[in-house]
N, C-alpha and C. Protein backbone atom coordinates (compact mmCIF):
# COMPACT_ATOMS: atom_id res chain seq x y z
N MET A 1 0.85 -1.17 0.00
CA MET A 1 0.00 0.00 0.00
C MET A 1 0.90 1.24 0.00
N GLU A 2 0.57 2.17 -0.85
CA GLU A 2 1.32 3.41 -0.96
C GLU A 2 0.75 4.47 -0.02
N PHE A 3 1.58 5.41 0.36
CA PHE A 3 1.14 6.49 1.23
C PHE A 3 0.03 7.30 0.59
N GLU A 4 0.09 7.47 -0.74
CA GLU A 4 -0.92 8.25 -1.45
C GLU A 4 -2.30 7.61 -1.36
N ASP A 5 -2.34 6.29 -1.17
CA ASP A 5 -3.62 5.59 -1.06
C ASP A 5 -4.36 5.96 0.21
N LEU A 6 -3.65 6.44 1.21
CA LEU A 6 -4.25 6.78 2.49
C LEU A 6 -4.84 8.20 2.52
N GLU A 7 -4.44 9.02 1.57
CA GLU A 7 -4.92 10.40 1.55
C GLU A 7 -6.33 10.46 0.97
N PRO A 8 -7.15 11.39 1.45
CA PRO A 8 -8.51 11.51 0.93
C PRO A 8 -8.49 11.85 -0.56
N LYS A 9 -9.44 11.29 -1.28
CA LYS A 9 -9.49 11.53 -2.73
C LYS A 9 -10.06 12.90 -3.05
N ASN A 10 -11.03 13.35 -2.29
CA ASN A 10 -11.65 14.65 -2.53
C ASN A 10 -11.23 15.62 -1.42
N LYS A 11 -10.17 16.34 -1.67
CA LYS A 11 -9.71 17.30 -0.68
C LYS A 11 -10.57 18.56 -0.76
N LEU A 12 -10.92 19.10 0.39
CA LEU A 12 -11.68 20.33 0.43
C LEU A 12 -10.76 21.50 0.13
N ALA A 13 -11.26 22.42 -0.66
CA ALA A 13 -10.48 23.61 -0.98
C ALA A 13 -10.48 24.55 0.22
N LYS A 14 -9.41 25.30 0.36
CA LYS A 14 -9.35 26.28 1.43
C LYS A 14 -10.37 27.38 1.14
N PRO A 15 -11.01 27.90 2.18
CA PRO A 15 -11.97 29.01 1.97
C PRO A 15 -11.26 30.21 1.34
N LYS A 16 -11.97 30.88 0.46
CA LYS A 16 -11.41 32.06 -0.19
C LYS A 16 -11.46 33.25 0.75
N ASP A 17 -10.48 34.14 0.61
CA ASP A 17 -10.48 35.38 1.37
C ASP A 17 -11.41 36.35 0.65
N LEU A 18 -12.55 36.61 1.25
CA LEU A 18 -13.57 37.45 0.62
C LEU A 18 -13.50 38.91 1.06
N SER A 19 -12.56 39.23 1.92
CA SER A 19 -12.52 40.57 2.51
C SER A 19 -12.26 41.67 1.48
N SER A 20 -11.57 41.36 0.41
CA SER A 20 -11.25 42.39 -0.58
C SER A 20 -12.24 42.43 -1.74
N TRP A 21 -13.22 41.56 -1.74
CA TRP A 21 -14.19 41.49 -2.82
C TRP A 21 -15.25 42.56 -2.67
N GLY A 22 -15.71 43.09 -3.78
CA GLY A 22 -16.79 44.05 -3.78
C GLY A 22 -18.14 43.33 -3.71
N ILE A 23 -19.19 44.12 -3.50
CA ILE A 23 -20.54 43.55 -3.38
C ILE A 23 -20.94 42.82 -4.66
N ALA A 24 -20.68 43.41 -5.81
CA ALA A 24 -21.05 42.78 -7.08
C ALA A 24 -20.30 41.46 -7.27
N GLU A 25 -19.03 41.45 -6.89
CA GLU A 25 -18.24 40.22 -7.00
C GLU A 25 -18.78 39.14 -6.06
N LEU A 26 -19.15 39.53 -4.86
CA LEU A 26 -19.71 38.57 -3.91
C LEU A 26 -21.04 38.02 -4.39
N GLU A 27 -21.87 38.88 -4.96
CA GLU A 27 -23.16 38.42 -5.49
C GLU A 27 -22.97 37.45 -6.65
N ALA A 28 -22.00 37.73 -7.53
CA ALA A 28 -21.71 36.83 -8.64
C ALA A 28 -21.18 35.51 -8.12
N TYR A 29 -20.35 35.56 -7.09
CA TYR A 29 -19.81 34.34 -6.49
C TYR A 29 -20.93 33.50 -5.89
N ILE A 30 -21.84 34.14 -5.19
CA ILE A 30 -22.99 33.43 -4.62
C ILE A 30 -23.82 32.78 -5.72
N ALA A 31 -24.04 33.50 -6.83
CA ALA A 31 -24.81 32.94 -7.94
C ALA A 31 -24.12 31.71 -8.51
N ARG A 32 -22.80 31.75 -8.64
CA ARG A 32 -22.06 30.57 -9.14
C ARG A 32 -22.18 29.41 -8.16
N LEU A 33 -22.07 29.70 -6.87
CA LEU A 33 -22.20 28.64 -5.87
C LEU A 33 -23.60 28.04 -5.86
N GLN A 34 -24.61 28.87 -6.03
CA GLN A 34 -25.98 28.35 -6.08
C GLN A 34 -26.17 27.47 -7.30
N GLY A 35 -25.52 27.80 -8.41
CA GLY A 35 -25.55 26.95 -9.59
C GLY A 35 -24.91 25.60 -9.31
N GLU A 36 -23.79 25.61 -8.59
CA GLU A 36 -23.12 24.36 -8.23
C GLU A 36 -23.98 23.53 -7.27
N ILE A 37 -24.66 24.20 -6.34
CA ILE A 37 -25.54 23.50 -5.42
C ILE A 37 -26.67 22.83 -6.19
N ALA A 38 -27.25 23.54 -7.14
CA ALA A 38 -28.33 22.96 -7.96
C ALA A 38 -27.82 21.77 -8.76
N ARG A 39 -26.62 21.88 -9.29
CA ARG A 39 -26.04 20.78 -10.06
C ARG A 39 -25.78 19.57 -9.18
N ALA A 40 -25.28 19.80 -7.97
CA ALA A 40 -25.03 18.70 -7.03
C ALA A 40 -26.35 18.06 -6.60
N GLN A 41 -27.38 18.87 -6.37
CA GLN A 41 -28.68 18.33 -5.97
C GLN A 41 -29.28 17.49 -7.09
N ALA A 42 -29.11 17.91 -8.33
CA ALA A 42 -29.59 17.13 -9.46
C ALA A 42 -28.86 15.79 -9.53
N ALA A 43 -27.57 15.78 -9.26
CA ALA A 43 -26.81 14.53 -9.26
C ALA A 43 -27.28 13.61 -8.15
N ILE A 44 -27.56 14.18 -6.97
CA ILE A 44 -28.07 13.38 -5.85
C ILE A 44 -29.42 12.78 -6.21
N ASP A 45 -30.30 13.59 -6.81
CA ASP A 45 -31.62 13.10 -7.20
C ASP A 45 -31.52 11.97 -8.23
N ALA A 46 -30.63 12.12 -9.20
CA ALA A 46 -30.46 11.09 -10.22
C ALA A 46 -29.93 9.80 -9.59
N LYS A 47 -28.98 9.92 -8.69
CA LYS A 47 -28.44 8.72 -8.03
C LYS A 47 -29.50 8.07 -7.15
N GLY A 48 -30.35 8.87 -6.53
CA GLY A 48 -31.43 8.33 -5.71
C GLY A 48 -32.42 7.54 -6.55
N LYS A 49 -32.71 8.04 -7.75
CA LYS A 49 -33.63 7.33 -8.65
C LYS A 49 -33.02 6.01 -9.09
N HIS A 50 -31.74 6.01 -9.41
CA HIS A 50 -31.07 4.77 -9.80
C HIS A 50 -31.08 3.77 -8.65
N ARG A 51 -30.84 4.27 -7.45
CA ARG A 51 -30.82 3.39 -6.28
C ARG A 51 -32.20 2.80 -6.04
N SER A 52 -33.24 3.63 -6.17
CA SER A 52 -34.61 3.14 -5.97
C SER A 52 -34.95 2.07 -7.00
N ALA A 53 -34.54 2.28 -8.23
CA ALA A 53 -34.79 1.30 -9.28
C ALA A 53 -34.05 0.00 -8.99
N ALA A 54 -32.81 0.12 -8.55
CA ALA A 54 -32.03 -1.08 -8.23
C ALA A 54 -32.62 -1.81 -7.04
N ASP A 55 -33.04 -1.06 -6.01
CA ASP A 55 -33.65 -1.67 -4.85
C ASP A 55 -34.94 -2.42 -5.23
N ALA A 56 -35.72 -1.81 -6.11
CA ALA A 56 -36.98 -2.44 -6.55
C ALA A 56 -36.68 -3.71 -7.36
N PHE A 57 -35.62 -3.66 -8.16
CA PHE A 57 -35.27 -4.81 -9.00
C PHE A 57 -34.78 -5.98 -8.16
N PHE A 58 -33.98 -5.69 -7.15
CA PHE A 58 -33.40 -6.78 -6.35
C PHE A 58 -34.21 -7.13 -5.11
N LYS A 59 -35.35 -6.47 -4.93
CA LYS A 59 -36.18 -6.76 -3.78
C LYS A 59 -36.82 -8.14 -3.94
N LYS A 60 -36.86 -8.90 -2.86
CA LYS A 60 -37.40 -10.25 -2.92
C LYS A 60 -38.91 -10.24 -2.88
């Protein structure tokens, strides 16, 4: 086993320093993040549907 195998695969990014950002920049950043949240929620919903279908298929 290699040392790299022990490290987490999805490392969290360090929080951005928002202190120097203007209001318009912060609002645009929030809009981008909300877009990412919607995209992640859609992926969760799709995976949930696949799981439900698989559970129904393999249910005794």
